């Protein structure tokens, strides 16, 4: 008869890593001061821990095994390290004592990867962006794009092509709409139109760059002097620079951020890197593509962590947003 201790460990798809174990087994890999505090802080596409030492604060980010591959994570960390070395205002990953940007963890569900960052100075914009902050954020995004033209990654990351943004996303969304055939047909029609409208966009520099992938106020800290630091590059990858603008508009419109701030962001971007007329005319379709992609990413998270949210109201809301983004008055919402 087997004892409890001899039974195989029960399979899991997600585990929450213990703060004490992270303090004693992961953080000693870094040249930081004595750790006085480690607290699980936030569960998003990665797990975030707040770390305090005798002198400084840090963010320890631990990937989810189902979300990104090791190569994806290494690409992102290489990019952030490169941008920081170029003087761009991003939260840079610290290297371990033996030079690694990520520490591999054998969790119950599989390999996970931890990365340590200095705590970005400032805080998320109170009440969301003001026009000055929107302009500043647009400028820093332009700087990221300009600098990325010199980036030579060692790791491969899935580029933000339409096949990935649209077709792969539809594969994730479609099973939930089998009982809503009209909605599924509508999305398929929108995807066909996006492809047609974007068929001439160039996939060569400077139009094709490394995108941050998730540009919005929640992923940036501003100081009292409006100095900004970007973080959370989970969704980065090679893509159209105009898609980055579309992704900002998608998040801003869904959050109810006004036209004045949205225009300030685009103005800040164009103050350093003007967009072509073709790129500007593509923004509505790129914003729709960003919505479909974000919908798919949200599903991957909710299926694992909060399946109860995936009811008709969840899909009604996202369908309504997509229909607004296809409206001629889309910028008024």
C-alpha atoms as a PDB file:
ATOM      1  CA  UNK A   1       0.000   0.000   0.000  1.00  0.00           C
ATOM      2  CA  UNK A   2       1.373   3.400  -1.014  1.00  0.00           C
ATOM      3  CA  UNK A   3       1.798   6.083   1.580  1.00  0.00           C
ATOM      4  CA  UNK A   4       0.811   9.686   0.834  1.00  0.00           C
ATOM      5  CA  UNK A   5       4.484  10.646   0.458  1.00  0.00           C
ATOM      6  CA  UNK A   6       5.101   7.966  -2.185  1.00  0.00           C
ATOM      7  CA  UNK A   7       2.211   8.947  -4.460  1.00  0.00           C
ATOM      8  CA  UNK A   8       3.204  10.863  -7.592  1.00  0.00           C
ATOM      9  CA  UNK A   9       2.731  14.623  -7.402  1.00  0.00           C
ATOM     10  CA  UNK A  10      -0.691  15.588  -8.742  1.00  0.00           C
ATOM     11  CA  UNK A  11      -0.427  17.378 -12.135  1.00  0.00           C
ATOM     12  CA  UNK A  12      -1.059  21.131 -12.180  1.00  0.00           C
ATOM     13  CA  UNK A  13      -1.403  23.728 -14.943  1.00  0.00           C
ATOM     14  CA  UNK A  14      -0.473  26.734 -12.783  1.00  0.00           C
ATOM     15  CA  UNK A  15       1.177  27.202  -9.409  1.00  0.00           C
ATOM     16  CA  UNK A  16       1.886  30.245  -7.252  1.00  0.00           C
ATOM     17  CA  UNK A  17       5.542  30.250  -6.287  1.00  0.00           C
ATOM     18  CA  UNK A  18       6.362  30.732  -2.626  1.00  0.00           C
ATOM     19  CA  UNK A  19       7.897  34.087  -1.693  1.00  0.00           C
ATOM     20  CA  UNK A  20      10.284  32.578   0.822  1.00  0.00           C
ATOM     21  CA  UNK A  21      11.569  30.081  -1.730  1.00  0.00           C
ATOM     22  CA  UNK A  22      12.066  32.863  -4.287  1.00  0.00           C
ATOM     23  CA  UNK A  23      13.976  34.840  -1.650  1.00  0.00           C
ATOM     24  CA  UNK A  24      16.290  31.955  -0.775  1.00  0.00           C
ATOM     25  CA  UNK A  25      16.611  30.178  -4.123  1.00  0.00           C
ATOM     26  CA  UNK A  26      16.252  32.784  -6.890  1.00  0.00           C
ATOM     27  CA  UNK A  27      17.170  36.224  -5.568  1.00  0.00           C
ATOM     28  CA  UNK A  28      20.634  35.122  -4.322  1.00  0.00           C
ATOM     29  CA  UNK A  29      21.589  34.781  -7.989  1.00  0.00           C
ATOM     30  CA  UNK A  30      21.658  38.603  -8.163  1.00  0.00           C
ATOM     31  CA  UNK A  31      24.073  41.131  -6.715  1.00  0.00           C
ATOM     32  CA  UNK A  32      21.512  43.017  -4.676  1.00  0.00           C
ATOM     33  CA  UNK A  33      21.307  44.101  -1.067  1.00  0.00           C
ATOM     34  CA  UNK A  34      19.835  41.928   1.679  1.00  0.00           C
ATOM     35  CA  UNK A  35      16.199  41.138   0.903  1.00  0.00           C
ATOM     36  CA  UNK A  36      13.843  42.332   3.636  1.00  0.00           C
ATOM     37  CA  UNK A  37      10.481  41.792   1.928  1.00  0.00           C
ATOM     38  CA  UNK A  38       9.035  39.725  -0.926  1.00  0.00           C
ATOM     39  CA  UNK A  39       5.315  39.795  -1.693  1.00  0.00           C
ATOM     40  CA  UNK A  40       3.201  38.359  -4.490  1.00  0.00           C
ATOM     41  CA  UNK A  41       1.896  41.545  -6.113  1.00  0.00           C
ATOM     42  CA  UNK A  42      -0.090  40.894  -9.277  1.00  0.00           C
ATOM     43  CA  UNK A  43      -1.196  38.073 -11.558  1.00  0.00           C
ATOM     44  CA  UNK A  44      -1.364  39.045 -15.206  1.00  0.00           C
ATOM     45  CA  UNK A  45       0.283  37.393 -18.180  1.00  0.00           C
ATOM     46  CA  UNK A  46       3.152  36.822 -15.740  1.00  0.00           C
ATOM     47  CA  UNK A  47       3.315  36.724 -11.952  1.00  0.00           C
ATOM     48  CA  UNK A  48       4.720  39.875 -10.374  1.00  0.00           C
ATOM     49  CA  UNK A  49       6.448  40.016  -6.982  1.00  0.00           C
ATOM     50  CA  UNK A  50       7.463  43.169  -5.153  1.00  0.00           C
ATOM     51  CA  UNK A  51      10.923  42.820  -3.618  1.00  0.00           C
ATOM     52  CA  UNK A  52      12.406  45.221  -1.080  1.00  0.00           C
ATOM     53  CA  UNK A  53      15.965  45.258   0.173  1.00  0.00           C
ATOM     54  CA  UNK A  54      17.759  47.350   2.777  1.00  0.00           C
ATOM     55  CA  UNK A  55      18.212  50.068   0.115  1.00  0.00           C
ATOM     56  CA  UNK A  56      16.058  49.548  -2.977  1.00  0.00           C
ATOM     57  CA  UNK A  57      12.876  48.126  -4.447  1.00  0.00           C
ATOM     58  CA  UNK A  58      12.717  45.646  -7.315  1.00  0.00           C
ATOM     59  CA  UNK A  59      10.171  43.781  -9.389  1.00  0.00           C
ATOM     60  CA  UNK A  60      10.597  40.035  -9.812  1.00  0.00           C
ATOM     61  CA  UNK A  61       8.611  38.764 -12.780  1.00  0.00           C
ATOM     62  CA  UNK A  62       7.974  35.046 -13.210  1.00  0.00           C
ATOM     63  CA  UNK A  63       6.619  33.803 -16.530  1.00  0.00           C
ATOM     64  CA  UNK A  64       3.676  31.440 -16.900  1.00  0.00           C
ATOM     65  CA  UNK A  65       4.580  28.138 -18.516  1.00  0.00           C
ATOM     66  CA  UNK A  66       1.611  28.302 -20.928  1.00  0.00           C
ATOM     67  CA  UNK A  67       2.084  31.879 -22.153  1.00  0.00           C
ATOM     68  CA  UNK A  68       5.503  32.257 -23.782  1.00  0.00           C
ATOM     69  CA  UNK A  69       8.433  30.066 -24.753  1.00  0.00           C
ATOM     70  CA  UNK A  70      11.962  30.444 -23.430  1.00  0.00           C
ATOM     71  CA  UNK A  71      12.975  31.987 -26.771  1.00  0.00           C
ATOM     72  CA  UNK A  72      10.135  34.538 -26.517  1.00  0.00           C
ATOM     73  CA  UNK A  73      11.258  35.560 -23.044  1.00  0.00           C
ATOM     74  CA  UNK A  74      14.913  35.758 -24.019  1.00  0.00           C
ATOM     75  CA  UNK A  75      14.034  37.938 -27.043  1.00  0.00           C
ATOM     76  CA  UNK A  76      12.146  40.379 -24.803  1.00  0.00           C
ATOM     77  CA  UNK A  77      14.887  40.564 -22.184  1.00  0.00           C
ATOM     78  CA  UNK A  78      17.584  41.016 -24.833  1.00  0.00           C
ATOM     79  CA  UNK A  79      15.512  43.846 -26.317  1.00  0.00           C
ATOM     80  CA  UNK A  80      15.054  45.600 -22.979  1.00  0.00           C
ATOM     81  CA  UNK A  81      18.756  45.256 -22.182  1.00  0.00           C
ATOM     82  CA  UNK A  82      19.615  46.656 -25.631  1.00  0.00           C
ATOM     83  CA  UNK A  83      17.209  49.597 -25.307  1.00  0.00           C
ATOM     84  CA  UNK A  84      18.512  50.441 -21.847  1.00  0.00           C
ATOM     85  CA  UNK A  85      22.075  50.439 -23.132  1.00  0.00           C
ATOM     86  CA  UNK A  86      20.893  52.831 -25.868  1.00  0.00           C
ATOM     87  CA  UNK A  87      19.588  55.245 -23.249  1.00  0.00           C
ATOM     88  CA  UNK A  88      15.868  54.541 -23.834  1.00  0.00           C
ATOM     89  CA  UNK A  89      13.655  54.896 -20.755  1.00  0.00           C
ATOM     90  CA  UNK A  90      12.744  51.266 -20.098  1.00  0.00           C
ATOM     91  CA  UNK A  91      12.865  49.100 -16.980  1.00  0.00           C
ATOM     92  CA  UNK A  92      15.965  47.020 -17.647  1.00  0.00           C
ATOM     93  CA  UNK A  93      16.400  43.392 -16.598  1.00  0.00           C
ATOM     94  CA  UNK A  94      19.296  42.885 -14.217  1.00  0.00           C
ATOM     95  CA  UNK A  95      21.873  40.240 -14.995  1.00  0.00           C
ATOM     96  CA  UNK A  96      22.529  37.455 -12.543  1.00  0.00           C
ATOM     97  CA  UNK A  97      25.970  36.994 -11.056  1.00  0.00           C
ATOM     98  CA  UNK A  98      26.840  34.620 -13.887  1.00  0.00           C
ATOM     99  CA  UNK A  99      25.482  36.980 -16.577  1.00  0.00           C
ATOM    100  CA  UNK A 100      22.017  35.549 -17.242  1.00  0.00           C
ATOM    101  CA  UNK A 101      18.968  37.716 -17.916  1.00  0.00           C
ATOM    102  CA  UNK A 102      16.557  34.997 -16.753  1.00  0.00           C
ATOM    103  CA  UNK A 103      16.672  32.319 -14.061  1.00  0.00           C
ATOM    104  CA  UNK A 104      15.048  28.989 -14.922  1.00  0.00           C
ATOM    105  CA  UNK A 105      12.662  27.565 -12.314  1.00  0.00           C
ATOM    106  CA  UNK A 106      11.435  23.966 -12.240  1.00  0.00           C
ATOM    107  CA  UNK A 107       7.816  24.540 -11.216  1.00  0.00           C
ATOM    108  CA  UNK A 108       5.258  21.757 -10.860  1.00  0.00           C
ATOM    109  CA  UNK A 109       3.683  22.625 -14.222  1.00  0.00           C
ATOM    110  CA  UNK A 110       6.982  22.950 -16.105  1.00  0.00           C
ATOM    111  CA  UNK A 111       9.755  25.414 -16.779  1.00  0.00           C
ATOM    112  CA  UNK A 112       9.194  29.007 -15.722  1.00  0.00           C
ATOM    113  CA  UNK A 113      11.584  31.944 -15.997  1.00  0.00           C
ATOM    114  CA  UNK A 114      12.245  34.702 -13.485  1.00  0.00           C
ATOM    115  CA  UNK A 115      13.664  38.129 -14.330  1.00  0.00           C
ATOM    116  CA  UNK A 116      14.537  40.893 -11.876  1.00  0.00           C
ATOM    117  CA  UNK A 117      14.021  44.597 -12.644  1.00  0.00           C
ATOM    118  CA  UNK A 118      14.712  47.778 -10.671  1.00  0.00           C
ATOM    119  CA  UNK A 119      11.421  49.328  -9.597  1.00  0.00           C
ATOM    120  CA  UNK A 120      10.557  51.959 -12.216  1.00  0.00           C
ATOM    121  CA  UNK A 121      10.666  55.471 -10.701  1.00  0.00           C
ATOM    122  CA  UNK A 122       7.353  57.264 -10.369  1.00  0.00           C
ATOM    123  CA  UNK A 123       3.913  55.685 -10.673  1.00  0.00           C
ATOM    124  CA  UNK A 124       1.105  54.980 -13.119  1.00  0.00           C
ATOM    125  CA  UNK A 125      -0.536  58.216 -14.261  1.00  0.00           C
ATOM    126  CA  UNK A 126      -3.276  59.168 -11.801  1.00  0.00           C
ATOM    127  CA  UNK A 127      -6.657  59.199 -13.552  1.00  0.00           C
ATOM    128  CA  UNK A 128      -4.845  58.135 -16.723  1.00  0.00           C
ATOM    129  CA  UNK A 129      -2.719  60.254 -19.036  1.00  0.00           C
ATOM    130  CA  UNK A 130      -2.888  63.996 -19.441  1.00  0.00           C
ATOM    131  CA  UNK A 131      -1.962  65.491 -22.838  1.00  0.00           C
ATOM    132  CA  UNK A 132       1.624  66.223 -21.793  1.00  0.00           C
ATOM    133  CA  UNK A 133       2.103  62.634 -20.655  1.00  0.00           C
ATOM    134  CA  UNK A 134       0.440  61.303 -23.798  1.00  0.00           C
ATOM    135  CA  UNK A 135       2.844  63.344 -25.940  1.00  0.00           C
ATOM    136  CA  UNK A 136       5.821  62.133 -23.899  1.00  0.00           C
ATOM    137  CA  UNK A 137       4.719  58.519 -24.150  1.00  0.00           C
ATOM    138  CA  UNK A 138       4.414  58.826 -27.923  1.00  0.00           C
ATOM    139  CA  UNK A 139       7.938  60.229 -28.122  1.00  0.00           C
ATOM    140  CA  UNK A 140       9.462  57.379 -26.131  1.00  0.00           C
ATOM    141  CA  UNK A 141       7.661  54.812 -28.298  1.00  0.00           C
ATOM    142  CA  UNK A 142       9.178  56.495 -31.368  1.00  0.00           C
ATOM    143  CA  UNK A 143      12.601  56.264 -29.709  1.00  0.00           C
ATOM    144  CA  UNK A 144      12.072  52.544 -29.106  1.00  0.00           C
ATOM    145  CA  UNK A 145      11.236  52.045 -32.783  1.00  0.00           C
ATOM    146  CA  UNK A 146      14.201  54.063 -33.978  1.00  0.00           C
ATOM    147  CA  UNK A 147      16.642  52.245 -31.701  1.00  0.00           C
ATOM    148  CA  UNK A 148      15.225  48.831 -32.606  1.00  0.00           C
ATOM    149  CA  UNK A 149      16.470  49.226 -36.169  1.00  0.00           C
ATOM    150  CA  UNK A 150      19.929  48.376 -34.776  1.00  0.00           C
ATOM    151  CA  UNK A 151      18.743  45.477 -32.615  1.00  0.00           C
ATOM    152  CA  UNK A 152      20.258  42.100 -33.530  1.00  0.00           C
ATOM    153  CA  UNK A 153      18.541  39.475 -31.353  1.00  0.00           C
ATOM    154  CA  UNK A 154      20.040  36.081 -30.641  1.00  0.00           C
ATOM    155  CA  UNK A 155      16.596  34.622 -29.884  1.00  0.00           C
ATOM    156  CA  UNK A 156      13.597  34.290 -32.183  1.00  0.00           C
ATOM    157  CA  UNK A 157      10.206  35.764 -31.366  1.00  0.00           C
ATOM    158  CA  UNK A 158       6.929  35.327 -33.238  1.00  0.00           C
ATOM    159  CA  UNK A 159       6.570  38.469 -35.412  1.00  0.00           C
ATOM    160  CA  UNK A 160       3.340  40.452 -35.298  1.00  0.00           C
ATOM    161  CA  UNK A 161       2.187  39.428 -38.765  1.00  0.00           C
ATOM    162  CA  UNK A 162      -1.460  39.314 -39.802  1.00  0.00           C
ATOM    163  CA  UNK A 163      -1.318  35.512 -39.773  1.00  0.00           C
ATOM    164  CA  UNK A 164      -0.425  35.659 -36.096  1.00  0.00           C
ATOM    165  CA  UNK A 165      -2.561  38.636 -35.071  1.00  0.00           C
ATOM    166  CA  UNK A 166      -5.686  37.546 -36.931  1.00  0.00           C
ATOM    167  CA  UNK A 167      -5.659  33.890 -38.000  1.00  0.00           C
ATOM    168  CA  UNK A 168      -4.116  32.491 -34.814  1.00  0.00           C
ATOM    169  CA  UNK A 169      -6.411  34.698 -32.745  1.00  0.00           C
ATOM    170  CA  UNK A 170      -9.472  33.466 -34.633  1.00  0.00           C
ATOM    171  CA  UNK A 171      -8.481  29.877 -33.825  1.00  0.00           C
ATOM    172  CA  UNK A 172      -8.691  30.816 -30.131  1.00  0.00           C
ATOM    173  CA  UNK A 173     -11.920  32.813 -30.370  1.00  0.00           C
ATOM    174  CA  UNK A 174     -13.982  30.687 -32.784  1.00  0.00           C
ATOM    175  CA  UNK A 175     -14.751  27.755 -30.430  1.00  0.00           C
ATOM    176  CA  UNK A 176     -16.531  30.148 -28.072  1.00  0.00           C
ATOM    177  CA  UNK A 177     -18.766  31.468 -30.861  1.00  0.00           C
ATOM    178  CA  UNK A 178     -20.070  28.202 -32.304  1.00  0.00           C
ATOM    179  CA  UNK A 179     -23.488  28.986 -30.848  1.00  0.00           C
ATOM    180  CA  UNK A 180     -23.257  32.534 -32.236  1.00  0.00           C
ATOM    181  CA  UNK A 181     -22.710  31.917 -35.964  1.00  0.00           C
ATOM    182  CA  UNK A 182     -23.612  35.469 -36.983  1.00  0.00           C
ATOM    183  CA  UNK A 183     -20.896  36.884 -34.723  1.00  0.00           C
ATOM    184  CA  UNK A 184     -18.349  34.385 -36.028  1.00  0.00           C
ATOM    185  CA  UNK A 185     -19.195  35.316 -39.620  1.00  0.00           C
ATOM    186  CA  UNK A 186     -18.882  39.003 -38.738  1.00  0.00           C
ATOM    187  CA  UNK A 187     -15.379  38.528 -37.312  1.00  0.00           C
ATOM    188  CA  UNK A 188     -14.314  36.511 -40.351  1.00  0.00           C
ATOM    189  CA  UNK A 189     -15.607  39.290 -42.628  1.00  0.00           C
ATOM    190  CA  UNK A 190     -13.739  41.942 -40.618  1.00  0.00           C
ATOM    191  CA  UNK A 191     -10.524  39.912 -40.822  1.00  0.00           C
ATOM    192  CA  UNK A 192     -10.848  39.606 -44.607  1.00  0.00           C
ATOM    193  CA  UNK A 193     -11.321  43.373 -44.914  1.00  0.00           C
ATOM    194  CA  UNK A 194      -8.340  44.113 -42.653  1.00  0.00           C
ATOM    195  CA  UNK A 195      -6.143  41.903 -44.822  1.00  0.00           C
ATOM    196  CA  UNK A 196      -7.310  43.648 -47.975  1.00  0.00           C
ATOM    197  CA  UNK A 197      -6.838  47.152 -46.590  1.00  0.00           C
ATOM    198  CA  UNK A 198      -3.330  46.433 -45.239  1.00  0.00           C
ATOM    199  CA  UNK A 199      -2.055  44.475 -48.228  1.00  0.00           C
ATOM    200  CA  UNK A 200       0.311  47.245 -49.345  1.00  0.00           C
ATOM    201  CA  UNK A 201       1.916  48.095 -45.978  1.00  0.00           C
ATOM    202  CA  UNK A 202       5.665  47.608 -46.205  1.00  0.00           C
ATOM    203  CA  UNK A 203       7.417  45.028 -44.029  1.00  0.00           C
ATOM    204  CA  UNK A 204      10.789  46.731 -44.404  1.00  0.00           C
ATOM    205  CA  UNK A 205      12.525  49.281 -42.146  1.00  0.00           C
ATOM    206  CA  UNK A 206      11.702  51.902 -41.015  1.00  0.00           C
ATOM    207  CA  UNK A 207       8.063  50.795 -41.279  1.00  0.00           C
ATOM    208  CA  UNK A 208       8.788  47.338 -39.821  1.00  0.00           C
ATOM    209  CA  UNK A 209      10.397  47.620 -36.371  1.00  0.00           C
ATOM    210  CA  UNK A 210      10.358  45.958 -32.973  1.00  0.00           C
ATOM    211  CA  UNK A 211       7.089  46.942 -31.306  1.00  0.00           C
ATOM    212  CA  UNK A 212       6.527  47.258 -27.561  1.00  0.00           C
ATOM    213  CA  UNK A 213       3.254  45.448 -28.225  1.00  0.00           C
ATOM    214  CA  UNK A 214       1.206  46.813 -25.329  1.00  0.00           C
ATOM    215  CA  UNK A 215       1.588  50.611 -25.211  1.00  0.00           C
ATOM    216  CA  UNK A 216      -0.681  52.157 -22.606  1.00  0.00           C
ATOM    217  CA  UNK A 217      -0.531  54.165 -19.411  1.00  0.00           C
ATOM    218  CA  UNK A 218      -0.724  51.108 -17.166  1.00  0.00           C
ATOM    219  CA  UNK A 219       2.628  49.937 -18.520  1.00  0.00           C
ATOM    220  CA  UNK A 220       4.544  53.132 -17.776  1.00  0.00           C
ATOM    221  CA  UNK A 221       5.538  55.073 -14.684  1.00  0.00           C
ATOM    222  CA  UNK A 222       5.690  58.869 -14.675  1.00  0.00           C
ATOM    223  CA  UNK A 223       7.605  60.933 -12.141  1.00  0.00           C
ATOM    224  CA  UNK A 224       6.360  64.282 -10.826  1.00  0.00           C
ATOM    225  CA  UNK A 225       8.442  65.883 -13.590  1.00  0.00           C
ATOM    226  CA  UNK A 226       6.752  63.617 -16.185  1.00  0.00           C
ATOM    227  CA  UNK A 227       9.872  61.557 -16.850  1.00  0.00           C
ATOM    228  CA  UNK A 228       8.562  58.226 -18.128  1.00  0.00           C
ATOM    229  CA  UNK A 229       9.809  54.643 -17.842  1.00  0.00           C
ATOM    230  CA  UNK A 230       8.266  51.874 -19.961  1.00  0.00           C
ATOM    231  CA  UNK A 231       7.860  48.289 -18.790  1.00  0.00           C
ATOM    232  CA  UNK A 232       5.904  45.102 -19.546  1.00  0.00           C
ATOM    233  CA  UNK A 233       7.175  44.116 -23.005  1.00  0.00           C
ATOM    234  CA  UNK A 234       5.455  40.695 -22.815  1.00  0.00           C
ATOM    235  CA  UNK A 235       3.810  41.257 -26.204  1.00  0.00           C
ATOM    236  CA  UNK A 236       6.799  42.697 -28.057  1.00  0.00           C
ATOM    237  CA  UNK A 237       7.875  41.517 -31.482  1.00  0.00           C
ATOM    238  CA  UNK A 238       8.730  42.659 -34.974  1.00  0.00           C
ATOM    239  CA  UNK A 239       5.761  44.395 -36.576  1.00  0.00           C
ATOM    240  CA  UNK A 240       4.539  47.535 -38.269  1.00  0.00           C
ATOM    241  CA  UNK A 241       5.336  50.700 -36.347  1.00  0.00           C
ATOM    242  CA  UNK A 242       1.817  51.842 -37.269  1.00  0.00           C
ATOM    243  CA  UNK A 243       0.432  48.735 -35.549  1.00  0.00           C
ATOM    244  CA  UNK A 244       1.945  50.063 -32.324  1.00  0.00           C
ATOM    245  CA  UNK A 245      -0.145  53.211 -32.779  1.00  0.00           C
ATOM    246  CA  UNK A 246      -3.203  51.082 -33.518  1.00  0.00           C
ATOM    247  CA  UNK A 247      -2.621  49.048 -30.356  1.00  0.00           C
ATOM    248  CA  UNK A 248      -2.427  52.242 -28.282  1.00  0.00           C
ATOM    249  CA  UNK A 249      -5.682  53.457 -29.827  1.00  0.00           C
ATOM    250  CA  UNK A 250      -7.368  50.111 -29.157  1.00  0.00           C
ATOM    251  CA  UNK A 251      -6.489  50.215 -25.455  1.00  0.00           C
ATOM    252  CA  UNK A 252      -7.273  53.931 -25.180  1.00  0.00           C
ATOM    253  CA  UNK A 253     -10.672  53.599 -26.844  1.00  0.00           C
ATOM    254  CA  UNK A 254     -11.635  50.598 -24.710  1.00  0.00           C
ATOM    255  CA  UNK A 255     -10.609  52.548 -21.578  1.00  0.00           C
ATOM    256  CA  UNK A 256     -12.514  55.686 -22.613  1.00  0.00           C
ATOM    257  CA  UNK A 257      -9.429  57.876 -23.027  1.00  0.00           C
ATOM    258  CA  UNK A 258     -10.416  61.054 -24.866  1.00  0.00           C
ATOM    259  CA  UNK A 259      -9.472  62.172 -28.352  1.00  0.00           C
ATOM    260  CA  UNK A 260      -7.246  64.974 -27.055  1.00  0.00           C
ATOM    261  CA  UNK A 261      -4.919  62.520 -25.291  1.00  0.00           C
ATOM    262  CA  UNK A 262      -4.971  60.038 -28.171  1.00  0.00           C
ATOM    263  CA  UNK A 263      -3.975  62.820 -30.562  1.00  0.00           C
ATOM    264  CA  UNK A 264      -1.240  63.932 -28.140  1.00  0.00           C
ATOM    265  CA  UNK A 265       0.267  60.436 -28.221  1.00  0.00           C
ATOM    266  CA  UNK A 266       0.286  60.394 -32.032  1.00  0.00           C
ATOM    267  CA  UNK A 267       1.655  63.946 -32.054  1.00  0.00           C
ATOM    268  CA  UNK A 268       4.492  62.965 -29.726  1.00  0.00           C
ATOM    269  CA  UNK A 269       5.324  59.991 -31.912  1.00  0.00           C
ATOM    270  CA  UNK A 270       5.297  62.046 -35.110  1.00  0.00           C
ATOM    271  CA  UNK A 271       7.460  64.763 -33.557  1.00  0.00           C
ATOM    272  CA  UNK A 272      10.320  62.251 -33.831  1.00  0.00           C
ATOM    273  CA  UNK A 273       9.148  59.853 -36.514  1.00  0.00           C
ATOM    274  CA  UNK A 274       6.487  61.101 -38.957  1.00  0.00           C
ATOM    275  CA  UNK A 275       4.049  58.504 -40.285  1.00  0.00           C
ATOM    276  CA  UNK A 276       3.215  58.304 -43.951  1.00  0.00           C
ATOM    277  CA  UNK A 277      -0.272  59.028 -45.260  1.00  0.00           C
ATOM    278  CA  UNK A 278      -0.700  55.323 -45.990  1.00  0.00           C
ATOM    279  CA  UNK A 279       0.194  54.463 -42.387  1.00  0.00           C
ATOM    280  CA  UNK A 280      -2.233  57.041 -41.012  1.00  0.00           C
ATOM    281  CA  UNK A 281      -4.989  55.720 -43.270  1.00  0.00           C
ATOM    282  CA  UNK A 282      -4.323  52.193 -41.997  1.00  0.00           C
ATOM    283  CA  UNK A 283      -4.847  53.014 -38.312  1.00  0.00           C
ATOM    284  CA  UNK A 284      -8.520  52.059 -38.129  1.00  0.00           C
ATOM    285  CA  UNK A 285      -7.797  48.599 -39.531  1.00  0.00           C
ATOM    286  CA  UNK A 286      -4.733  48.122 -37.345  1.00  0.00           C
ATOM    287  CA  UNK A 287      -6.822  49.085 -34.313  1.00  0.00           C
ATOM    288  CA  UNK A 288      -9.330  46.381 -35.268  1.00  0.00           C
ATOM    289  CA  UNK A 289      -6.484  43.863 -35.604  1.00  0.00           C
ATOM    290  CA  UNK A 290      -5.202  44.903 -32.173  1.00  0.00           C
ATOM    291  CA  UNK A 291      -8.663  44.358 -30.692  1.00  0.00           C
ATOM    292  CA  UNK A 292      -8.913  40.822 -32.102  1.00  0.00           C
ATOM    293  CA  UNK A 293      -5.396  39.989 -30.884  1.00  0.00           C
ATOM    294  CA  UNK A 294      -6.028  41.406 -27.397  1.00  0.00           C
ATOM    295  CA  UNK A 295      -9.283  39.436 -27.262  1.00  0.00           C
ATOM    296  CA  UNK A 296      -7.393  36.208 -27.973  1.00  0.00           C
ATOM    297  CA  UNK A 297      -4.727  36.988 -25.353  1.00  0.00           C
ATOM    298  CA  UNK A 298      -7.435  37.734 -22.806  1.00  0.00           C
ATOM    299  CA  UNK A 299      -9.093  34.401 -23.531  1.00  0.00           C
ATOM    300  CA  UNK A 300      -5.858  32.510 -22.924  1.00  0.00           C
ATOM    301  CA  UNK A 301      -5.641  34.124 -19.482  1.00  0.00           C
ATOM    302  CA  UNK A 302      -9.296  33.782 -18.498  1.00  0.00           C
ATOM    303  CA  UNK A 303      -9.498  30.136 -19.559  1.00  0.00           C
ATOM    304  CA  UNK A 304      -6.831  29.318 -16.988  1.00  0.00           C
ATOM    305  CA  UNK A 305      -7.511  31.791 -14.183  1.00  0.00           C
ATOM    306  CA  UNK A 306     -11.136  32.945 -14.376  1.00  0.00           C
ATOM    307  CA  UNK A 307     -13.268  30.821 -16.710  1.00  0.00           C
ATOM    308  CA  UNK A 308     -16.447  32.072 -15.036  1.00  0.00           C
ATOM    309  CA  UNK A 309     -15.968  35.401 -16.840  1.00  0.00           C
ATOM    310  CA  UNK A 310     -16.433  33.775 -20.240  1.00  0.00           C
ATOM    311  CA  UNK A 311     -20.194  34.184 -20.393  1.00  0.00           C
ATOM    312  CA  UNK A 312     -22.366  35.853 -23.024  1.00  0.00           C
ATOM    313  CA  UNK A 313     -21.816  39.325 -21.538  1.00  0.00           C
ATOM    314  CA  UNK A 314     -18.037  38.904 -22.009  1.00  0.00           C
ATOM    315  CA  UNK A 315     -18.458  38.144 -25.710  1.00  0.00           C
ATOM    316  CA  UNK A 316     -21.250  40.694 -26.186  1.00  0.00           C
ATOM    317  CA  UNK A 317     -18.942  43.423 -24.881  1.00  0.00           C
ATOM    318  CA  UNK A 318     -16.079  42.472 -27.196  1.00  0.00           C
ATOM    319  CA  UNK A 319     -18.361  42.184 -30.204  1.00  0.00           C
ATOM    320  CA  UNK A 320     -19.791  45.636 -29.489  1.00  0.00           C
ATOM    321  CA  UNK A 321     -16.276  47.064 -29.264  1.00  0.00           C
ATOM    322  CA  UNK A 322     -15.301  45.465 -32.567  1.00  0.00           C
ATOM    323  CA  UNK A 323     -18.393  46.882 -34.264  1.00  0.00           C
ATOM    324  CA  UNK A 324     -17.597  50.355 -32.909  1.00  0.00           C
ATOM    325  CA  UNK A 325     -14.064  50.077 -34.307  1.00  0.00           C
ATOM    326  CA  UNK A 326     -15.454  49.259 -37.752  1.00  0.00           C
ATOM    327  CA  UNK A 327     -17.768  52.278 -37.678  1.00  0.00           C
ATOM    328  CA  UNK A 328     -16.948  55.429 -39.727  1.00  0.00           C
ATOM    329  CA  UNK A 329     -17.222  57.347 -36.432  1.00  0.00           C
ATOM    330  CA  UNK A 330     -14.773  55.054 -34.604  1.00  0.00           C
ATOM    331  CA  UNK A 331     -12.561  57.903 -33.384  1.00  0.00           C
ATOM    332  CA  UNK A 332     -15.503  59.590 -31.658  1.00  0.00           C
ATOM    333  CA  UNK A 333     -16.007  56.815 -29.112  1.00  0.00           C
END
